[in-house]
Amino acid sequence: MRYRGLDLNLLVALDALLRTQNVSRVPDAINITQLTGSFSFQKRSWMLNERRLSA
């Protein structure tokens, strides 16, 4: 696995998602705005797709 370009803040969002089990509650759980949460999940999704294509 390549770690270059990995945003560790996405791990915080993933942890909150696993704890809350609800995407809508993640921003409240980690004290960010809904818009910032949306960008985090878009970026995470983009990174996962890129890794699948390059593997």
PDB file of N, CA and C in Angstrom:
ATOM      1  N   MET A   1       0.845  -1.181   0.000  1.00  0.00           N
ATOM      2  CA  MET A   1       0.000   0.000   0.000  1.00  0.00           C
ATOM      3  C   MET A   1       0.883   1.235   0.000  1.00  0.00           C
ATOM      4  N   ARG A   2       0.502   2.213  -0.789  1.00  0.00           N
ATOM      5  CA  ARG A   2       1.242   3.470  -0.837  1.00  0.00           C
ATOM      6  C   ARG A   2       0.659   4.453   0.173  1.00  0.00           C
ATOM      7  N   TYR A   3       1.523   5.056   0.978  1.00  0.00           N
ATOM      8  CA  TYR A   3       1.080   6.011   1.982  1.00  0.00           C
ATOM      9  C   TYR A   3       1.255   7.457   1.529  1.00  0.00           C
ATOM     10  N   ARG A   4       1.937   7.659   0.430  1.00  0.00           N
ATOM     11  CA  ARG A   4       2.143   9.020  -0.075  1.00  0.00           C
ATOM     12  C   ARG A   4       0.787   9.611  -0.473  1.00  0.00           C
ATOM     13  N   GLY A   5       0.535  10.788   0.015  1.00  0.00           N
ATOM     14  CA  GLY A   5      -0.711  11.467  -0.311  1.00  0.00           C
ATOM     15  C   GLY A   5      -1.890  11.049   0.559  1.00  0.00           C
ATOM     16  N   LEU A   6      -1.673  10.152   1.513  1.00  0.00           N
ATOM     17  CA  LEU A   6      -2.746   9.722   2.396  1.00  0.00           C
ATOM     18  C   LEU A   6      -3.039  10.830   3.405  1.00  0.00           C
ATOM     19  N   ASP A   7      -4.287  11.217   3.484  1.00  0.00           N
ATOM     20  CA  ASP A   7      -4.711  12.254   4.421  1.00  0.00           C
ATOM     21  C   ASP A   7      -5.158  11.574   5.719  1.00  0.00           C
ATOM     22  N   LEU A   8      -4.390  11.736   6.776  1.00  0.00           N
ATOM     23  CA  LEU A   8      -4.697  11.069   8.031  1.00  0.00           C
ATOM     24  C   LEU A   8      -5.991  11.575   8.665  1.00  0.00           C
ATOM     25  N   ASN A   9      -6.432  12.764   8.276  1.00  0.00           N
ATOM     26  CA  ASN A   9      -7.707  13.269   8.781  1.00  0.00           C
ATOM     27  C   ASN A   9      -8.867  12.392   8.318  1.00  0.00           C
ATOM     28  N   LEU A  10      -8.681  11.701   7.206  1.00  0.00           N
ATOM     29  CA  LEU A  10      -9.731  10.811   6.733  1.00  0.00           C
ATOM     30  C   LEU A  10      -9.921   9.624   7.676  1.00  0.00           C
ATOM     31  N   LEU A  11      -8.866   9.245   8.376  1.00  0.00           N
ATOM     32  CA  LEU A  11      -8.994   8.170   9.353  1.00  0.00           C
ATOM     33  C   LEU A  11      -9.869   8.594  10.527  1.00  0.00           C
ATOM     34  N   VAL A  12      -9.797   9.867  10.879  1.00  0.00           N
ATOM     35  CA  VAL A  12     -10.654  10.397  11.947  1.00  0.00           C
ATOM     36  C   VAL A  12     -12.115  10.316  11.515  1.00  0.00           C
ATOM     37  N   ALA A  13     -12.387  10.695  10.278  1.00  0.00           N
ATOM     38  CA  ALA A  13     -13.757  10.631   9.755  1.00  0.00           C
ATOM     39  C   ALA A  13     -14.229   9.177   9.662  1.00  0.00           C
ATOM     40  N   LEU A  14     -13.367   8.283   9.236  1.00  0.00           N
ATOM     41  CA  LEU A  14     -13.735   6.868   9.158  1.00  0.00           C
ATOM     42  C   LEU A  14     -14.025   6.307  10.548  1.00  0.00           C
ATOM     43  N   ASP A  15     -13.214   6.665  11.526  1.00  0.00           N
ATOM     44  CA  ASP A  15     -13.449   6.219  12.895  1.00  0.00           C
ATOM     45  C   ASP A  15     -14.812   6.700  13.394  1.00  0.00           C
ATOM     46  N   ALA A  16     -15.126   7.960  13.127  1.00  0.00           N
ATOM     47  CA  ALA A  16     -16.417   8.507  13.549  1.00  0.00           C
ATOM     48  C   ALA A  16     -17.564   7.801  12.836  1.00  0.00           C
ATOM     49  N   LEU A  17     -17.373   7.479  11.576  1.00  0.00           N
ATOM     50  CA  LEU A  17     -18.410   6.764  10.824  1.00  0.00           C
ATOM     51  C   LEU A  17     -18.648   5.382  11.422  1.00  0.00           C
ATOM     52  N   LEU A  18     -17.581   4.693  11.761  1.00  0.00           N
ATOM     53  CA  LEU A  18     -17.735   3.366  12.342  1.00  0.00           C
ATOM     54  C   LEU A  18     -18.377   3.427  13.728  1.00  0.00           C
ATOM     55  N   ARG A  19     -18.084   4.482  14.486  1.00  0.00           N
ATOM     56  CA  ARG A  19     -18.685   4.631  15.816  1.00  0.00           C
ATOM     57  C   ARG A  19     -20.156   5.019  15.738  1.00  0.00           C
ATOM     58  N   THR A  20     -20.484   5.986  14.883  1.00  0.00           N
ATOM     59  CA  THR A  20     -21.863   6.478  14.809  1.00  0.00           C
ATOM     60  C   THR A  20     -22.738   5.623  13.903  1.00  0.00           C
ATOM     61  N   GLN A  21     -22.134   4.963  12.931  1.00  0.00           N
ATOM     62  CA  GLN A  21     -22.841   4.156  11.933  1.00  0.00           C
ATOM     63  C   GLN A  21     -23.897   4.970  11.195  1.00  0.00           C
ATOM     64  N   ASN A  22     -23.598   6.258  11.019  1.00  0.00           N
ATOM     65  CA  ASN A  22     -24.518   7.149  10.335  1.00  0.00           C
ATOM     66  C   ASN A  22     -23.718   8.300   9.730  1.00  0.00           C
ATOM     67  N   VAL A  23     -23.732   8.409   8.408  1.00  0.00           N
ATOM     68  CA  VAL A  23     -22.936   9.428   7.719  1.00  0.00           C
ATOM     69  C   VAL A  23     -23.351  10.834   8.132  1.00  0.00           C
ATOM     70  N   SER A  24     -24.633  11.032   8.380  1.00  0.00           N
ATOM     71  CA  SER A  24     -25.125  12.362   8.738  1.00  0.00           C
ATOM     72  C   SER A  24     -24.638  12.831  10.100  1.00  0.00           C
ATOM     73  N   ARG A  25     -24.299  11.913  10.980  1.00  0.00           N
ATOM     74  CA  ARG A  25     -23.870  12.280  12.329  1.00  0.00           C
ATOM     75  C   ARG A  25     -22.364  12.465  12.456  1.00  0.00           C
ATOM     76  N   VAL A  26     -21.612  12.071  11.448  1.00  0.00           N
ATOM     77  CA  VAL A  26     -20.146  12.165  11.515  1.00  0.00           C
ATOM     78  C   VAL A  26     -19.661  13.586  11.769  1.00  0.00           C
ATOM     79  N   PRO A  27     -20.123  14.588  11.012  1.00  0.00           N
ATOM     80  CA  PRO A  27     -19.615  15.956  11.267  1.00  0.00           C
ATOM     81  C   PRO A  27     -19.841  16.425  12.698  1.00  0.00           C
ATOM     82  N   ASP A  28     -20.989  16.102  13.280  1.00  0.00           N
ATOM     83  CA  ASP A  28     -21.238  16.483  14.673  1.00  0.00           C
ATOM     84  C   ASP A  28     -20.301  15.752  15.622  1.00  0.00           C
ATOM     85  N   ALA A  29     -20.019  14.494  15.330  1.00  0.00           N
ATOM     86  CA  ALA A  29     -19.176  13.685  16.207  1.00  0.00           C
ATOM     87  C   ALA A  29     -17.731  14.181  16.251  1.00  0.00           C
ATOM     88  N   ILE A  30     -17.262  14.777  15.146  1.00  0.00           N
ATOM     89  CA  ILE A  30     -15.866  15.236  15.123  1.00  0.00           C
ATOM     90  C   ILE A  30     -15.754  16.752  15.004  1.00  0.00           C
ATOM     91  N   ASN A  31     -16.868  17.435  15.281  1.00  0.00           N
ATOM     92  CA  ASN A  31     -16.903  18.904  15.340  1.00  0.00           C
ATOM     93  C   ASN A  31     -16.426  19.583  14.060  1.00  0.00           C
ATOM     94  N   ILE A  32     -17.010  19.168  12.936  1.00  0.00           N
ATOM     95  CA  ILE A  32     -16.759  19.840  11.660  1.00  0.00           C
ATOM     96  C   ILE A  32     -18.105  20.177  11.040  1.00  0.00           C
ATOM     97  N   THR A  33     -18.096  21.031  10.024  1.00  0.00           N
ATOM     98  CA  THR A  33     -19.350  21.383   9.366  1.00  0.00           C
ATOM     99  C   THR A  33     -19.789  20.258   8.436  1.00  0.00           C
ATOM    100  N   GLN A  34     -21.043  20.270   8.076  1.00  0.00           N
ATOM    101  CA  GLN A  34     -21.586  19.262   7.163  1.00  0.00           C
ATOM    102  C   GLN A  34     -20.854  19.320   5.816  1.00  0.00           C
ATOM    103  N   LEU A  35     -20.543  20.519   5.353  1.00  0.00           N
ATOM    104  CA  LEU A  35     -19.845  20.682   4.080  1.00  0.00           C
ATOM    105  C   LEU A  35     -18.444  20.068   4.126  1.00  0.00           C
ATOM    106  N   THR A  36     -17.735  20.308   5.202  1.00  0.00           N
ATOM    107  CA  THR A  36     -16.405  19.724   5.366  1.00  0.00           C
ATOM    108  C   THR A  36     -16.490  18.208   5.424  1.00  0.00           C
ATOM    109  N   GLY A  37     -17.497  17.691   6.110  1.00  0.00           N
ATOM    110  CA  GLY A  37     -17.698  16.245   6.173  1.00  0.00           C
ATOM    111  C   GLY A  37     -17.961  15.660   4.802  1.00  0.00           C
ATOM    112  N   SER A  38     -18.752  16.364   4.012  1.00  0.00           N
ATOM    113  CA  SER A  38     -19.045  15.902   2.659  1.00  0.00           C
ATOM    114  C   SER A  38     -17.776  15.847   1.815  1.00  0.00           C
ATOM    115  N   PHE A  39     -16.945  16.878   1.917  1.00  0.00           N
ATOM    116  CA  PHE A  39     -15.680  16.885   1.177  1.00  0.00           C
ATOM    117  C   PHE A  39     -14.768  15.740   1.625  1.00  0.00           C
ATOM    118  N   SER A  40     -14.762  15.447   2.920  1.00  0.00           N
ATOM    119  CA  SER A  40     -13.934  14.359   3.442  1.00  0.00           C
ATOM    120  C   SER A  40     -14.348  13.022   2.837  1.00  0.00           C
ATOM    121  N   PHE A  41     -15.654  12.791   2.774  1.00  0.00           N
ATOM    122  CA  PHE A  41     -16.113  11.516   2.232  1.00  0.00           C
ATOM    123  C   PHE A  41     -15.922  11.446   0.712  1.00  0.00           C
ATOM    124  N   GLN A  42     -16.010  12.578   0.037  1.00  0.00           N
ATOM    125  CA  GLN A  42     -15.718  12.583  -1.401  1.00  0.00           C
ATOM    126  C   GLN A  42     -14.258  12.244  -1.632  1.00  0.00           C
ATOM    127  N   LYS A  43     -13.388  12.825  -0.838  1.00  0.00           N
ATOM    128  CA  LYS A  43     -11.960  12.573  -0.989  1.00  0.00           C
ATOM    129  C   LYS A  43     -11.628  11.124  -0.663  1.00  0.00           C
ATOM    130  N   ARG A  44     -12.224  10.597   0.383  1.00  0.00           N
ATOM    131  CA  ARG A  44     -11.997   9.195   0.749  1.00  0.00           C
ATOM    132  C   ARG A  44     -12.450   8.271  -0.376  1.00  0.00           C
ATOM    133  N   SER A  45     -13.608   8.558  -0.914  1.00  0.00           N
ATOM    134  CA  SER A  45     -14.135   7.748  -2.004  1.00  0.00           C
ATOM    135  C   SER A  45     -13.220   7.810  -3.218  1.00  0.00           C
ATOM    136  N   TRP A  46     -12.723   8.998  -3.524  1.00  0.00           N
ATOM    137  CA  TRP A  46     -11.818   9.172  -4.661  1.00  0.00           C
ATOM    138  C   TRP A  46     -10.522   8.394  -4.439  1.00  0.00           C
ATOM    139  N   MET A  47      -9.994   8.450  -3.236  1.00  0.00           N
ATOM    140  CA  MET A  47      -8.737   7.740  -2.945  1.00  0.00           C
ATOM    141  C   MET A  47      -8.922   6.225  -3.054  1.00  0.00           C
ATOM    142  N   LEU A  48     -10.043   5.718  -2.582  1.00  0.00           N
ATOM    143  CA  LEU A  48     -10.275   4.279  -2.666  1.00  0.00           C
ATOM    144  C   LEU A  48     -10.430   3.821  -4.109  1.00  0.00           C
ATOM    145  N   ASN A  49     -11.110   4.601  -4.914  1.00  0.00           N
ATOM    146  CA  ASN A  49     -11.256   4.258  -6.335  1.00  0.00           C
ATOM    147  C   ASN A  49      -9.918   4.275  -7.038  1.00  0.00           C
ATOM    148  N   GLU A  50      -9.087   5.269  -6.720  1.00  0.00           N
ATOM    149  CA  GLU A  50      -7.764   5.348  -7.332  1.00  0.00           C
ATOM    150  C   GLU A  50      -6.930   4.117  -6.961  1.00  0.00           C
ATOM    151  N   ARG A  51      -7.004   3.705  -5.729  1.00  0.00           N
ATOM    152  CA  ARG A  51      -6.210   2.548  -5.292  1.00  0.00           C
ATOM    153  C   ARG A  51      -6.697   1.273  -5.982  1.00  0.00           C
ATOM    154  N   ARG A  52      -7.989   1.120  -6.188  1.00  0.00           N
ATOM    155  CA  ARG A  52      -8.494  -0.064  -6.862  1.00  0.00           C
ATOM    156  C   ARG A  52      -8.032  -0.094  -8.320  1.00  0.00           C
ATOM    157  N   LEU A  53      -8.014   1.070  -8.954  1.00  0.00           N
ATOM    158  CA  LEU A  53      -7.590   1.122 -10.349  1.00  0.00           C
ATOM    159  C   LEU A  53      -6.104   0.854 -10.513  1.00  0.00           C
ATOM    160  N   SER A  54      -5.309   1.254  -9.533  1.00  0.00           N
ATOM    161  CA  SER A  54      -3.855   1.099  -9.679  1.00  0.00           C
ATOM    162  C   SER A  54      -3.357  -0.239  -9.155  1.00  0.00           C
ATOM    163  N   ALA A  55      -4.190  -0.988  -8.458  1.00  0.00           N
ATOM    164  CA  ALA A  55      -3.736  -2.267  -7.873  1.00  0.00           C
ATOM    165  C   ALA A  55      -3.714  -3.388  -8.889  1.00  0.00           C
TER     166      ALA A  55
END
